[in-house]
PDB file of N, CA and C in Angstrom:
ATOM      1  N   MET A   1       0.845  -1.180   0.000  1.00  0.00           N
ATOM      2  CA  MET A   1       0.000   0.000   0.000  1.00  0.00           C
ATOM      3  C   MET A   1       0.888   1.240   0.000  1.00  0.00           C
ATOM      4  N   TYR A   2       0.390   2.248  -0.696  1.00  0.00           N
ATOM      5  CA  TYR A   2       1.120   3.511  -0.779  1.00  0.00           C
ATOM      6  C   TYR A   2       0.143   4.660  -0.563  1.00  0.00           C
ATOM      7  N   GLU A   3       0.511   5.597   0.291  1.00  0.00           N
ATOM      8  CA  GLU A   3      -0.294   6.800   0.427  1.00  0.00           C
ATOM      9  C   GLU A   3       0.096   7.748  -0.694  1.00  0.00           C
ATOM     10  N   VAL A   4      -0.891   8.285  -1.368  1.00  0.00           N
ATOM     11  CA  VAL A   4      -0.681   9.156  -2.515  1.00  0.00           C
ATOM     12  C   VAL A   4      -0.770  10.608  -2.053  1.00  0.00           C
ATOM     13  N   ASN A   5       0.067  11.453  -2.637  1.00  0.00           N
ATOM     14  CA  ASN A   5       0.066  12.861  -2.224  1.00  0.00           C
ATOM     15  C   ASN A   5      -1.043  13.647  -2.926  1.00  0.00           C
ATOM     16  N   ARG A   6      -2.222  13.120  -2.854  1.00  0.00           N
ATOM     17  CA  ARG A   6      -3.422  13.745  -3.397  1.00  0.00           C
ATOM     18  C   ARG A   6      -4.590  13.393  -2.473  1.00  0.00           C
ATOM     19  N   SER A   7      -5.646  14.164  -2.609  1.00  0.00           N
ATOM     20  CA  SER A   7      -6.920  13.824  -1.986  1.00  0.00           C
ATOM     21  C   SER A   7      -7.901  13.564  -3.121  1.00  0.00           C
ATOM     22  N   LEU A   8      -9.072  13.093  -2.767  1.00  0.00           N
ATOM     23  CA  LEU A   8     -10.081  12.747  -3.761  1.00  0.00           C
ATOM     24  C   LEU A   8     -11.293  13.646  -3.575  1.00  0.00           C
ATOM     25  N   ALA A   9     -11.760  14.217  -4.670  1.00  0.00           N
ATOM     26  CA  ALA A   9     -13.015  14.978  -4.674  1.00  0.00           C
ATOM     27  C   ALA A   9     -13.983  14.255  -5.598  1.00  0.00           C
ATOM     28  N   LEU A  10     -15.176  14.003  -5.106  1.00  0.00           N
ATOM     29  CA  LEU A  10     -16.228  13.414  -5.928  1.00  0.00           C
ATOM     30  C   LEU A  10     -17.207  14.517  -6.295  1.00  0.00           C
ATOM     31  N   ILE A  11     -17.547  14.579  -7.579  1.00  0.00           N
ATOM     32  CA  ILE A  11     -18.507  15.554  -8.076  1.00  0.00           C
ATOM     33  C   ILE A  11     -19.825  14.809  -8.261  1.00  0.00           C
ATOM     34  N   LYS A  12     -20.763  15.036  -7.345  1.00  0.00           N
ATOM     35  CA  LYS A  12     -22.022  14.289  -7.360  1.00  0.00           C
ATOM     36  C   LYS A  12     -23.161  15.155  -7.892  1.00  0.00           C
ATOM     37  N   PRO A  13     -23.797  14.706  -8.977  1.00  0.00           N
ATOM     38  CA  PRO A  13     -24.930  15.459  -9.521  1.00  0.00           C
ATOM     39  C   PRO A  13     -26.061  15.565  -8.498  1.00  0.00           C
ATOM     40  N   LYS A  14     -26.733  16.703  -8.532  1.00  0.00           N
ATOM     41  CA  LYS A  14     -27.898  16.934  -7.680  1.00  0.00           C
ATOM     42  C   LYS A  14     -29.151  16.982  -8.562  1.00  0.00           C
ATOM     43  N   ALA A  15     -30.299  17.162  -7.933  1.00  0.00           N
ATOM     44  CA  ALA A  15     -31.589  17.119  -8.633  1.00  0.00           C
ATOM     45  C   ALA A  15     -31.672  18.063  -9.841  1.00  0.00           C
ATOM     46  N   PRO A  16     -31.164  19.309  -9.773  1.00  0.00           N
ATOM     47  CA  PRO A  16     -31.267  20.167 -10.965  1.00  0.00           C
ATOM     48  C   PRO A  16     -30.520  19.611 -12.181  1.00  0.00           C
ATOM     49  N   PHE A  17     -29.381  18.951 -11.949  1.00  0.00           N
ATOM     50  CA  PHE A  17     -28.667  18.331 -13.069  1.00  0.00           C
ATOM     51  C   PHE A  17     -29.511  17.220 -13.674  1.00  0.00           C
ATOM     52  N   LEU A  18     -30.085  16.385 -12.816  1.00  0.00           N
ATOM     53  CA  LEU A  18     -30.926  15.288 -13.313  1.00  0.00           C
ATOM     54  C   LEU A  18     -32.133  15.829 -14.067  1.00  0.00           C
ATOM     55  N   ALA A  19     -32.742  16.901 -13.574  1.00  0.00           N
ATOM     56  CA  ALA A  19     -33.895  17.486 -14.265  1.00  0.00           C
ATOM     57  C   ALA A  19     -33.488  17.992 -15.648  1.00  0.00           C
ATOM     58  N   TRP A  20     -32.314  18.633 -15.747  1.00  0.00           N
ATOM     59  CA  TRP A  20     -31.818  19.080 -17.050  1.00  0.00           C
ATOM     60  C   TRP A  20     -31.610  17.880 -17.968  1.00  0.00           C
ATOM     61  N   LEU A  21     -30.973  16.853 -17.438  1.00  0.00           N
ATOM     62  CA  LEU A  21     -30.681  15.649 -18.212  1.00  0.00           C
ATOM     63  C   LEU A  21     -31.968  15.007 -18.717  1.00  0.00           C
ATOM     64  N   GLN A  22     -32.950  14.910 -17.858  1.00  0.00           N
ATOM     65  CA  GLN A  22     -34.218  14.290 -18.244  1.00  0.00           C
ATOM     66  C   GLN A  22     -34.996  15.154 -19.237  1.00  0.00           C
ATOM     67  N   GLY A  23     -34.725  16.461 -19.267  1.00  0.00           N
ATOM     68  CA  GLY A  23     -35.408  17.360 -20.177  1.00  0.00           C
ATOM     69  C   GLY A  23     -34.767  17.496 -21.545  1.00  0.00           C
ATOM     70  N   LEU A  24     -33.635  16.835 -21.752  1.00  0.00           N
ATOM     71  CA  LEU A  24     -32.970  16.912 -23.051  1.00  0.00           C
ATOM     72  C   LEU A  24     -33.804  16.217 -24.120  1.00  0.00           C
ATOM     73  N   PRO A  25     -33.800  16.763 -25.337  1.00  0.00           N
ATOM     74  CA  PRO A  25     -34.537  16.101 -26.420  1.00  0.00           C
ATOM     75  C   PRO A  25     -34.049  14.660 -26.610  1.00  0.00           C
ATOM     76  N   GLY A  26     -34.994  13.750 -26.690  1.00  0.00           N
ATOM     77  CA  GLY A  26     -34.658  12.339 -26.897  1.00  0.00           C
ATOM     78  C   GLY A  26     -34.021  11.671 -25.684  1.00  0.00           C
ATOM     79  N   SER A  27     -34.175  12.271 -24.518  1.00  0.00           N
ATOM     80  CA  SER A  27     -33.561  11.724 -23.305  1.00  0.00           C
ATOM     81  C   SER A  27     -34.067  10.309 -23.034  1.00  0.00           C
ATOM     82  N   HIS A  28     -33.139   9.439 -22.676  1.00  0.00           N
ATOM     83  CA  HIS A  28     -33.468   8.049 -22.365  1.00  0.00           C
ATOM     84  C   HIS A  28     -33.294   7.752 -20.878  1.00  0.00           C
ATOM     85  N   VAL A  29     -33.295   8.803 -20.053  1.00  0.00           N
ATOM     86  CA  VAL A  29     -33.050   8.612 -18.626  1.00  0.00           C
ATOM     87  C   VAL A  29     -34.219   9.096 -17.764  1.00  0.00           C
ATOM     88  N   ALA A  30     -35.419   9.112 -18.346  1.00  0.00           N
ATOM     89  CA  ALA A  30     -36.586   9.636 -17.636  1.00  0.00           C
ATOM     90  C   ALA A  30     -36.812   8.945 -16.293  1.00  0.00           C
ATOM     91  N   ALA A  31     -36.540   7.661 -16.218  1.00  0.00           N
ATOM     92  CA  ALA A  31     -36.801   6.910 -14.987  1.00  0.00           C
ATOM     93  C   ALA A  31     -35.550   6.753 -14.122  1.00  0.00           C
ATOM     94  N   LEU A  32     -34.453   7.403 -14.502  1.00  0.00           N
ATOM     95  CA  LEU A  32     -33.203   7.251 -13.752  1.00  0.00           C
ATOM     96  C   LEU A  32     -33.299   7.942 -12.397  1.00  0.00           C
ATOM     97  N   PRO A  33     -33.157   7.192 -11.303  1.00  0.00           N
ATOM     98  CA  PRO A  33     -33.176   7.827  -9.982  1.00  0.00           C
ATOM     99  C   PRO A  33     -31.865   8.590  -9.733  1.00  0.00           C
ATOM    100  N   LEU A  34     -31.955   9.661  -8.974  1.00  0.00           N
ATOM    101  CA  LEU A  34     -30.785  10.470  -8.668  1.00  0.00           C
ATOM    102  C   LEU A  34     -29.695   9.624  -7.998  1.00  0.00           C
ATOM    103  N   ALA A  35     -30.076   8.752  -7.094  1.00  0.00           N
ATOM    104  CA  ALA A  35     -29.082   7.917  -6.398  1.00  0.00           C
ATOM    105  C   ALA A  35     -28.293   7.063  -7.385  1.00  0.00           C
ATOM    106  N   GLU A  36     -28.943   6.594  -8.432  1.00  0.00           N
ATOM    107  CA  GLU A  36     -28.255   5.783  -9.443  1.00  0.00           C
ATOM    108  C   GLU A  36     -27.279   6.640 -10.251  1.00  0.00           C
ATOM    109  N   LEU A  37     -27.700   7.841 -10.600  1.00  0.00           N
ATOM    110  CA  LEU A  37     -26.827   8.762 -11.325  1.00  0.00           C
ATOM    111  C   LEU A  37     -25.593   9.108 -10.490  1.00  0.00           C
ATOM    112  N   GLN A  38     -25.784   9.271  -9.207  1.00  0.00           N
ATOM    113  CA  GLN A  38     -24.678   9.634  -8.321  1.00  0.00           C
ATOM    114  C   GLN A  38     -23.683   8.502  -8.116  1.00  0.00           C
ATOM    115  N   LYS A  39     -24.102   7.263  -8.327  1.00  0.00           N
ATOM    116  CA  LYS A  39     -23.180   6.131  -8.177  1.00  0.00           C
ATOM    117  C   LYS A  39     -22.034   6.199  -9.174  1.00  0.00           C
ATOM    118  N   GLY A  40     -22.283   6.752 -10.325  1.00  0.00           N
ATOM    119  CA  GLY A  40     -21.257   6.815 -11.361  1.00  0.00           C
ATOM    120  C   GLY A  40     -20.593   8.179 -11.460  1.00  0.00           C
ATOM    121  N   CYS A  41     -20.573   8.913 -10.372  1.00  0.00           N
ATOM    122  CA  CYS A  41     -20.033  10.273 -10.426  1.00  0.00           C
ATOM    123  C   CYS A  41     -18.518  10.268 -10.667  1.00  0.00           C
ATOM    124  N   ASN A  42     -18.030  11.395 -11.134  1.00  0.00           N
ATOM    125  CA  ASN A  42     -16.606  11.527 -11.451  1.00  0.00           C
ATOM    126  C   ASN A  42     -15.788  11.830 -10.205  1.00  0.00           C
ATOM    127  N   GLY A  43     -14.613  11.212 -10.152  1.00  0.00           N
ATOM    128  CA  GLY A  43     -13.667  11.461  -9.077  1.00  0.00           C
ATOM    129  C   GLY A  43     -12.498  12.281  -9.599  1.00  0.00           C
ATOM    130  N   LEU A  44     -12.019  13.185  -8.777  1.00  0.00           N
ATOM    131  CA  LEU A  44     -10.923  14.064  -9.155  1.00  0.00           C
ATOM    132  C   LEU A  44      -9.807  13.977  -8.130  1.00  0.00           C
ATOM    133  N   LEU A  45      -8.588  13.874  -8.602  1.00  0.00           N
ATOM    134  CA  LEU A  45      -7.457  13.973  -7.701  1.00  0.00           C
ATOM    135  C   LEU A  45      -7.150  15.456  -7.510  1.00  0.00           C
ATOM    136  N   VAL A  46      -7.074  15.868  -6.263  1.00  0.00           N
ATOM    137  CA  VAL A  46      -6.825  17.267  -5.923  1.00  0.00           C
ATOM    138  C   VAL A  46      -5.627  17.335  -4.986  1.00  0.00           C
ATOM    139  N   PRO A  47      -5.069  18.528  -4.761  1.00  0.00           N
ATOM    140  CA  PRO A  47      -3.946  18.616  -3.825  1.00  0.00           C
ATOM    141  C   PRO A  47      -4.320  18.037  -2.461  1.00  0.00           C
ATOM    142  N   PRO A  48      -3.324  17.558  -1.725  1.00  0.00           N
ATOM    143  CA  PRO A  48      -3.616  16.985  -0.410  1.00  0.00           C
ATOM    144  C   PRO A  48      -4.434  17.957   0.436  1.00  0.00           C
ATOM    145  N   ALA A  49      -5.478  17.449   1.061  1.00  0.00           N
ATOM    146  CA  ALA A  49      -6.403  18.312   1.797  1.00  0.00           C
ATOM    147  C   ALA A  49      -6.347  18.044   3.289  1.00  0.00           C
ATOM    148  N   ASP A  50      -5.844  19.016   4.016  1.00  0.00           N
ATOM    149  CA  ASP A  50      -5.968  18.970   5.470  1.00  0.00           C
ATOM    150  C   ASP A  50      -7.290  19.597   5.885  1.00  0.00           C
ATOM    151  N   ASP A  51      -7.845  20.398   4.988  1.00  0.00           N
ATOM    152  CA  ASP A  51      -9.069  21.139   5.253  1.00  0.00           C
ATOM    153  C   ASP A  51     -10.022  20.920   4.083  1.00  0.00           C
ATOM    154  N   ALA A  52     -11.170  20.306   4.350  1.00  0.00           N
ATOM    155  CA  ALA A  52     -12.128  19.995   3.283  1.00  0.00           C
ATOM    156  C   ALA A  52     -12.622  21.259   2.588  1.00  0.00           C
ATOM    157  N   ASP A  53     -12.761  22.354   3.329  1.00  0.00           N
ATOM    158  CA  ASP A  53     -13.222  23.598   2.710  1.00  0.00           C
ATOM    159  C   ASP A  53     -12.206  24.117   1.694  1.00  0.00           C
ATOM    160  N   GLU A  54     -10.917  23.985   2.010  1.00  0.00           N
ATOM    161  CA  GLU A  54      -9.878  24.395   1.058  1.00  0.00           C
ATOM    162  C   GLU A  54      -9.933  23.526  -0.201  1.00  0.00           C
ATOM    163  N   ALA A  55     -10.147  22.244  -0.025  1.00  0.00           N
ATOM    164  CA  ALA A  55     -10.226  21.333  -1.173  1.00  0.00           C
ATOM    165  C   ALA A  55     -11.446  21.668  -2.031  1.00  0.00           C
ATOM    166  N   ARG A  56     -12.585  21.965  -1.382  1.00  0.00           N
ATOM    167  CA  ARG A  56     -13.771  22.359  -2.136  1.00  0.00           C
ATOM    168  C   ARG A  56     -13.512  23.657  -2.905  1.00  0.00           C
ATOM    169  N   ALA A  57     -12.834  24.597  -2.273  1.00  0.00           N
ATOM    170  CA  ALA A  57     -12.517  25.866  -2.935  1.00  0.00           C
ATOM    171  C   ALA A  57     -11.643  25.616  -4.163  1.00  0.00           C
ATOM    172  N   PHE A  58     -10.697  24.685  -4.058  1.00  0.00           N
ATOM    173  CA  PHE A  58      -9.857  24.340  -5.205  1.00  0.00           C
ATOM    174  C   PHE A  58     -10.708  23.806  -6.352  1.00  0.00           C
ATOM    175  N   VAL A  59     -11.660  22.941  -6.034  1.00  0.00           N
ATOM    176  CA  VAL A  59     -12.530  22.376  -7.065  1.00  0.00           C
ATOM    177  C   VAL A  59     -13.383  23.482  -7.692  1.00  0.00           C
ATOM    178  N   ILE A  60     -13.951  24.358  -6.869  1.00  0.00           N
ATOM    179  CA  ILE A  60     -14.789  25.448  -7.373  1.00  0.00           C
ATOM    180  C   ILE A  60     -13.979  26.356  -8.304  1.00  0.00           C
ATOM    181  N   GLU A  61     -12.689  26.543  -8.033  1.00  0.00           N
ATOM    182  CA  GLU A  61     -11.847  27.347  -8.926  1.00  0.00           C
ATOM    183  C   GLU A  61     -11.815  26.751 -10.336  1.00  0.00           C
ATOM    184  N   GLN A  62     -12.011  25.454 -10.434  1.00  0.00           N
ATOM    185  CA  GLN A  62     -11.988  24.758 -11.726  1.00  0.00           C
ATOM    186  C   GLN A  62     -13.390  24.580 -12.300  1.00  0.00           C
ATOM    187  N   TYR A  63     -14.377  25.278 -11.728  1.00  0.00           N
ATOM    188  CA  TYR A  63     -15.779  25.001 -12.053  1.00  0.00           C
ATOM    189  C   TYR A  63     -16.082  25.051 -13.555  1.00  0.00           C
ATOM    190  N   ALA A  64     -15.507  25.994 -14.291  1.00  0.00           N
ATOM    191  CA  ALA A  64     -15.877  26.161 -15.702  1.00  0.00           C
ATOM    192  C   ALA A  64     -15.546  24.910 -16.512  1.00  0.00           C
ATOM    193  N   SER A  65     -14.335  24.409 -16.372  1.00  0.00           N
ATOM    194  CA  SER A  65     -13.962  23.222 -17.144  1.00  0.00           C
ATOM    195  C   SER A  65     -14.669  21.972 -16.611  1.00  0.00           C
ATOM    196  N   LEU A  66     -14.861  21.891 -15.298  1.00  0.00           N
ATOM    197  CA  LEU A  66     -15.558  20.737 -14.730  1.00  0.00           C
ATOM    198  C   LEU A  66     -17.026  20.714 -15.151  1.00  0.00           C
ATOM    199  N   PHE A  67     -17.668  21.875 -15.090  1.00  0.00           N
ATOM    200  CA  PHE A  67     -19.078  21.977 -15.480  1.00  0.00           C
ATOM    201  C   PHE A  67     -19.229  21.575 -16.942  1.00  0.00           C
ATOM    202  N   ALA A  68     -18.381  22.120 -17.802  1.00  0.00           N
ATOM    203  CA  ALA A  68     -18.450  21.795 -19.232  1.00  0.00           C
ATOM    204  C   ALA A  68     -18.228  20.305 -19.470  1.00  0.00           C
ATOM    205  N   ALA A  69     -17.287  19.711 -18.758  1.00  0.00           N
ATOM    206  CA  ALA A  69     -17.018  18.280 -18.931  1.00  0.00           C
ATOM    207  C   ALA A  69     -18.213  17.439 -18.477  1.00  0.00           C
ATOM    208  N   GLU A  70     -18.821  17.806 -17.351  1.00  0.00           N
ATOM    209  CA  GLU A  70     -19.985  17.062 -16.863  1.00  0.00           C
ATOM    210  C   GLU A  70     -21.146  17.150 -17.858  1.00  0.00           C
ATOM    211  N   LEU A  71     -21.386  18.344 -18.393  1.00  0.00           N
ATOM    212  CA  LEU A  71     -22.470  18.517 -19.363  1.00  0.00           C
ATOM    213  C   LEU A  71     -22.168  17.778 -20.655  1.00  0.00           C
ATOM    214  N   ALA A  72     -20.931  17.889 -21.129  1.00  0.00           N
ATOM    215  CA  ALA A  72     -20.545  17.258 -22.396  1.00  0.00           C
ATOM    216  C   ALA A  72     -20.585  15.733 -22.313  1.00  0.00           C
ATOM    217  N   ASP A  73     -20.441  15.177 -21.107  1.00  0.00           N
ATOM    218  CA  ASP A  73     -20.577  13.726 -20.955  1.00  0.00           C
ATOM    219  C   ASP A  73     -21.955  13.257 -21.411  1.00  0.00           C
ATOM    220  N   TRP A  74     -22.943  14.132 -21.337  1.00  0.00           N
ATOM    221  CA  TRP A  74     -24.321  13.753 -21.647  1.00  0.00           C
ATOM    222  C   TRP A  74     -24.874  14.437 -22.886  1.00  0.00           C
ATOM    223  N   CYS A  75     -24.341  15.614 -23.223  1.00  0.00           N
ATOM    224  CA  CYS A  75     -24.894  16.386 -24.331  1.00  0.00           C
ATOM    225  C   CYS A  75     -23.807  17.267 -24.936  1.00  0.00           C
ATOM    226  N   GLU A  76     -23.445  16.994 -26.176  1.00  0.00           N
ATOM    227  CA  GLU A  76     -22.407  17.793 -26.827  1.00  0.00           C
ATOM    228  C   GLU A  76     -22.929  19.117 -27.372  1.00  0.00           C
ATOM    229  N   ASP A  77     -24.238  19.264 -27.523  1.00  0.00           N
ATOM    230  CA  ASP A  77     -24.818  20.480 -28.074  1.00  0.00           C
ATOM    231  C   ASP A  77     -24.851  21.563 -27.005  1.00  0.00           C
ATOM    232  N   GLU A  78     -23.886  22.461 -27.060  1.00  0.00           N
ATOM    233  CA  GLU A  78     -23.767  23.505 -26.042  1.00  0.00           C
ATOM    234  C   GLU A  78     -24.978  24.431 -26.028  1.00  0.00           C
ATOM    235  N   ALA A  79     -25.745  24.472 -27.107  1.00  0.00           N
ATOM    236  CA  ALA A  79     -26.957  25.290 -27.138  1.00  0.00           C
ATOM    237  C   ALA A  79     -28.000  24.778 -26.139  1.00  0.00           C
ATOM    238  N   LEU A  80     -27.877  23.508 -25.734  1.00  0.00           N
ATOM    239  CA  LEU A  80     -28.813  22.921 -24.771  1.00  0.00           C
ATOM    240  C   LEU A  80     -28.304  23.017 -23.333  1.00  0.00           C
ATOM    241  N   TRP A  81     -27.120  23.571 -23.149  1.00  0.00           N
ATOM    242  CA  TRP A  81     -26.563  23.724 -21.810  1.00  0.00           C
ATOM    243  C   TRP A  81     -27.188  24.936 -21.129  1.00  0.00           C
ATOM    244  N   PRO A  82     -27.242  24.912 -19.811  1.00  0.00           N
ATOM    245  CA  PRO A  82     -27.736  26.094 -19.102  1.00  0.00           C
ATOM    246  C   PRO A  82     -26.746  27.253 -19.279  1.00  0.00           C
ATOM    247  N   THR A  83     -27.260  28.466 -19.247  1.00  0.00           N
ATOM    248  CA  THR A  83     -26.382  29.637 -19.332  1.00  0.00           C
ATOM    249  C   THR A  83     -26.842  30.687 -18.330  1.00  0.00           C
ATOM    250  N   PRO A  84     -25.908  31.414 -17.803  1.00  0.00           N
ATOM    251  CA  PRO A  84     -24.466  31.203 -17.911  1.00  0.00           C
ATOM    252  C   PRO A  84     -24.003  30.139 -16.922  1.00  0.00           C
ATOM    253  N   LEU A  85     -22.876  29.523 -17.214  1.00  0.00           N
ATOM    254  CA  LEU A  85     -22.274  28.555 -16.292  1.00  0.00           C
ATOM    255  C   LEU A  85     -21.501  29.361 -15.248  1.00  0.00           C
ATOM    256  N   THR A  86     -22.018  29.374 -14.054  1.00  0.00           N
ATOM    257  CA  THR A  86     -21.426  30.173 -12.974  1.00  0.00           C
ATOM    258  C   THR A  86     -21.045  29.268 -11.803  1.00  0.00           C
ATOM    259  N   PRO A  87     -20.188  29.751 -10.916  1.00  0.00           N
ATOM    260  CA  PRO A  87     -19.889  28.959  -9.720  1.00  0.00           C
ATOM    261  C   PRO A  87     -21.148  28.675  -8.893  1.00  0.00           C
ATOM    262  N   ALA A  88     -22.057  29.636  -8.825  1.00  0.00           N
ATOM    263  CA  ALA A  88     -23.289  29.433  -8.053  1.00  0.00           C
ATOM    264  C   ALA A  88     -24.143  28.326  -8.663  1.00  0.00           C
ATOM    265  N   LEU A  89     -24.249  28.313  -9.997  1.00  0.00           N
ATOM    266  CA  LEU A  89     -25.020  27.264 -10.658  1.00  0.00           C
ATOM    267  C   LEU A  89     -24.344  25.906 -10.479  1.00  0.00           C
ATOM    268  N   PHE A  90     -23.026  25.890 -10.567  1.00  0.00           N
ATOM    269  CA  PHE A  90     -22.278  24.646 -10.329  1.00  0.00           C
ATOM    270  C   PHE A  90     -22.617  24.102  -8.939  1.00  0.00           C
ATOM    271  N   ALA A  91     -22.638  24.979  -7.937  1.00  0.00           N
ATOM    272  CA  ALA A  91     -22.951  24.561  -6.562  1.00  0.00           C
ATOM    273  C   ALA A  91     -24.391  24.071  -6.434  1.00  0.00           C
ATOM    274  N   GLU A  92     -25.308  24.638  -7.236  1.00  0.00           N
ATOM    275  CA  GLU A  92     -26.698  24.168  -7.225  1.00  0.00           C
ATOM    276  C   GLU A  92     -26.833  22.784  -7.851  1.00  0.00           C
ATOM    277  N   TRP A  93     -26.004  22.508  -8.847  1.00  0.00           N
ATOM    278  CA  TRP A  93     -26.140  21.282  -9.632  1.00  0.00           C
ATOM    279  C   TRP A  93     -25.277  20.132  -9.145  1.00  0.00           C
ATOM    280  N   PHE A  94     -24.231  20.427  -8.350  1.00  0.00           N
ATOM    281  CA  PHE A  94     -23.301  19.376  -7.924  1.00  0.00           C
ATOM    282  C   PHE A  94     -22.896  19.535  -6.468  1.00  0.00           C
ATOM    283  N   ASP A  95     -22.830  18.404  -5.769  1.00  0.00           N
ATOM    284  CA  ASP A  95     -22.199  18.340  -4.452  1.00  0.00           C
ATOM    285  C   ASP A  95     -20.739  17.994  -4.661  1.00  0.00           C
ATOM    286  N   ILE A  96     -19.898  18.506  -3.806  1.00  0.00           N
ATOM    287  CA  ILE A  96     -18.471  18.177  -3.839  1.00  0.00           C
ATOM    288  C   ILE A  96     -18.165  17.448  -2.537  1.00  0.00           C
ATOM    289  N   GLU A  97     -17.799  16.192  -2.666  1.00  0.00           N
ATOM    290  CA  GLU A  97     -17.481  15.351  -1.509  1.00  0.00           C
ATOM    291  C   GLU A  97     -15.972  15.158  -1.472  1.00  0.00           C
ATOM    292  N   ILE A  98     -15.357  15.482  -0.342  1.00  0.00           N
ATOM    293  CA  ILE A  98     -13.901  15.416  -0.208  1.00  0.00           C
ATOM    294  C   ILE A  98     -13.509  14.211   0.636  1.00  0.00           C
ATOM    295  N   HIS A  99     -12.539  13.458   0.128  1.00  0.00           N
ATOM    296  CA  HIS A  99     -11.928  12.350   0.863  1.00  0.00           C
ATOM    297  C   HIS A  99     -10.442  12.687   0.977  1.00  0.00           C
ATOM    298  N   PRO A 100      -9.974  13.031   2.176  1.00  0.00           N
ATOM    299  CA  PRO A 100      -8.613  13.572   2.304  1.00  0.00           C
ATOM    300  C   PRO A 100      -7.483  12.574   2.072  1.00  0.00           C
ATOM    301  N   VAL A 101      -7.683  11.324   2.384  1.00  0.00           N
ATOM    302  CA  VAL A 101      -6.594  10.354   2.267  1.00  0.00           C
ATOM    303  C   VAL A 101      -6.872   9.430   1.083  1.00  0.00           C
ATOM    304  N   LEU A 102      -5.863   9.285   0.243  1.00  0.00           N
ATOM    305  CA  LEU A 102      -5.973   8.419  -0.923  1.00  0.00           C
ATOM    306  C   LEU A 102      -4.852   7.389  -0.839  1.00  0.00           C
ATOM    307  N   THR A 103      -5.223   6.129  -0.814  1.00  0.00           N
ATOM    308  CA  THR A 103      -4.257   5.043  -0.706  1.00  0.00           C
ATOM    309  C   THR A 103      -4.277   4.217  -1.975  1.00  0.00           C
ATOM    310  N   ASP A 104      -3.098   3.964  -2.508  1.00  0.00           N
ATOM    311  CA  ASP A 104      -2.948   3.172  -3.734  1.00  0.00           C
ATOM    312  C   ASP A 104      -2.644   1.739  -3.329  1.00  0.00           C
ATOM    313  N   LEU A 105      -3.493   0.814  -3.708  1.00  0.00           N
ATOM    314  CA  LEU A 105      -3.310  -0.595  -3.371  1.00  0.00           C
ATOM    315  C   LEU A 105      -2.626  -1.391  -4.471  1.00  0.00           C
ATOM    316  N   VAL A 106      -2.244  -0.714  -5.555  1.00  0.00           N
ATOM    317  CA  VAL A 106      -1.639  -1.373  -6.707  1.00  0.00           C
ATOM    318  C   VAL A 106      -0.138  -1.147  -6.692  1.00  0.00           C
ATOM    319  N   ASP A 107       0.637  -2.207  -6.944  1.00  0.00           N
ATOM    320  CA  ASP A 107       2.086  -2.078  -6.938  1.00  0.00           C
ATOM    321  C   ASP A 107       2.641  -1.334  -8.151  1.00  0.00           C
ATOM    322  N   GLU A 108       1.916  -1.354  -9.255  1.00  0.00           N
ATOM    323  CA  GLU A 108       2.390  -0.676 -10.459  1.00  0.00           C
ATOM    324  C   GLU A 108       2.361   0.837 -10.267  1.00  0.00           C
ATOM    325  N   ALA A 109       3.305   1.522 -10.899  1.00  0.00           N
ATOM    326  CA  ALA A 109       3.363   2.979 -10.822  1.00  0.00           C
ATOM    327  C   ALA A 109       2.142   3.594 -11.504  1.00  0.00           C
ATOM    328  N   LEU A 110       1.729   4.735 -11.005  1.00  0.00           N
ATOM    329  CA  LEU A 110       0.641   5.472 -11.639  1.00  0.00           C
ATOM    330  C   LEU A 110       1.097   5.979 -12.997  1.00  0.00           C
ATOM    331  N   GLU A 111       0.196   5.980 -13.945  1.00  0.00           N
ATOM    332  CA  GLU A 111       0.480   6.526 -15.269  1.00  0.00           C
ATOM    333  C   GLU A 111      -0.465   7.687 -15.503  1.00  0.00           C
ATOM    334  N   ARG A 112       0.025   8.685 -16.228  1.00  0.00           N
ATOM    335  CA  ARG A 112      -0.795   9.852 -16.539  1.00  0.00           C
ATOM    336  C   ARG A 112      -0.789  10.077 -18.035  1.00  0.00           C
ATOM    337  N   GLU A 113      -1.910  10.553 -18.523  1.00  0.00           N
ATOM    338  CA  GLU A 113      -1.979  10.983 -19.916  1.00  0.00           C
ATOM    339  C   GLU A 113      -2.924  12.172 -19.953  1.00  0.00           C
ATOM    340  N   ALA A 114      -2.732  13.031 -20.913  1.00  0.00           N
ATOM    341  CA  ALA A 114      -3.572  14.217 -21.036  1.00  0.00           C
ATOM    342  C   ALA A 114      -5.018  13.820 -21.284  1.00  0.00           C
ATOM    343  N   PHE A 115      -5.939  14.562 -20.688  1.00  0.00           N
ATOM    344  CA  PHE A 115      -7.363  14.323 -20.885  1.00  0.00           C
ATOM    345  C   PHE A 115      -7.745  14.768 -22.282  1.00  0.00           C
ATOM    346  N   VAL A 116      -8.409  13.889 -23.019  1.00  0.00           N
ATOM    347  CA  VAL A 116      -8.902  14.219 -24.345  1.00  0.00           C
ATOM    348  C   VAL A 116     -10.402  13.924 -24.316  1.00  0.00           C
ATOM    349  N   PRO A 117     -11.234  14.953 -24.549  1.00  0.00           N
ATOM    350  CA  PRO A 117     -12.695  14.712 -24.528  1.00  0.00           C
ATOM    351  C   PRO A 117     -13.089  13.676 -25.557  1.00  0.00           C
ATOM    352  N   PHE A 118     -14.042  12.862 -25.206  1.00  0.00           N
ATOM    353  CA  PHE A 118     -14.580  11.829 -26.082  1.00  0.00           C
ATOM    354  C   PHE A 118     -15.372  12.496 -27.194  1.00  0.00           C
ATOM    355  N   ASP A 119     -15.085  12.194 -28.435  1.00  0.00           N
ATOM    356  CA  ASP A 119     -15.754  12.801 -29.571  1.00  0.00           C
ATOM    357  C   ASP A 119     -16.826  11.841 -30.089  1.00  0.00           C
ATOM    358  N   LEU A 120     -18.094  12.184 -29.835  1.00  0.00           N
ATOM    359  CA  LEU A 120     -19.200  11.345 -30.278  1.00  0.00           C
ATOM    360  C   LEU A 120     -19.555  11.657 -31.721  1.00  0.00           C
ATOM    361  N   PRO A 121     -19.920  10.647 -32.501  1.00  0.00           N
ATOM    362  CA  PRO A 121     -20.362  10.921 -33.873  1.00  0.00           C
ATOM    363  C   PRO A 121     -21.670  11.701 -33.856  1.00  0.00           C
ATOM    364  N   GLU A 122     -21.854  12.567 -34.810  1.00  0.00           N
ATOM    365  CA  GLU A 122     -23.092  13.349 -34.884  1.00  0.00           C
ATOM    366  C   GLU A 122     -24.237  12.452 -35.318  1.00  0.00           C
ATOM    367  N   ALA A 123     -25.399  12.690 -34.735  1.00  0.00           N
ATOM    368  CA  ALA A 123     -26.582  11.863 -35.046  1.00  0.00           C
ATOM    369  C   ALA A 123     -27.203  12.270 -36.356  1.00  0.00           C
TER     370      ALA A 123
END
């Protein structure tokens, strides 16, 4: 086991995000419960957090790119996204859960690669 010099932030969708998702044209998630949507939430490695509020503030500083990534996971048409994307709206749509200690149980070294958004074919 190895302690990693990062903490974990989970970005959990809240009811307004689910309502937006269910309101998208051709949405196939009408019956999706919020708890089920939250099970597959995205995890982020953040600087080591001695203070959960500081870690949340770090995540909020990244709100624009995080918000866009969360929306694009479900809908590439930015015309259907809420506007404007603000820190306040991000806080309404997502909970930020901080886990300060991250332990690596794998003996292999961590590998990193640049994030490249998934490009969906146009319908």
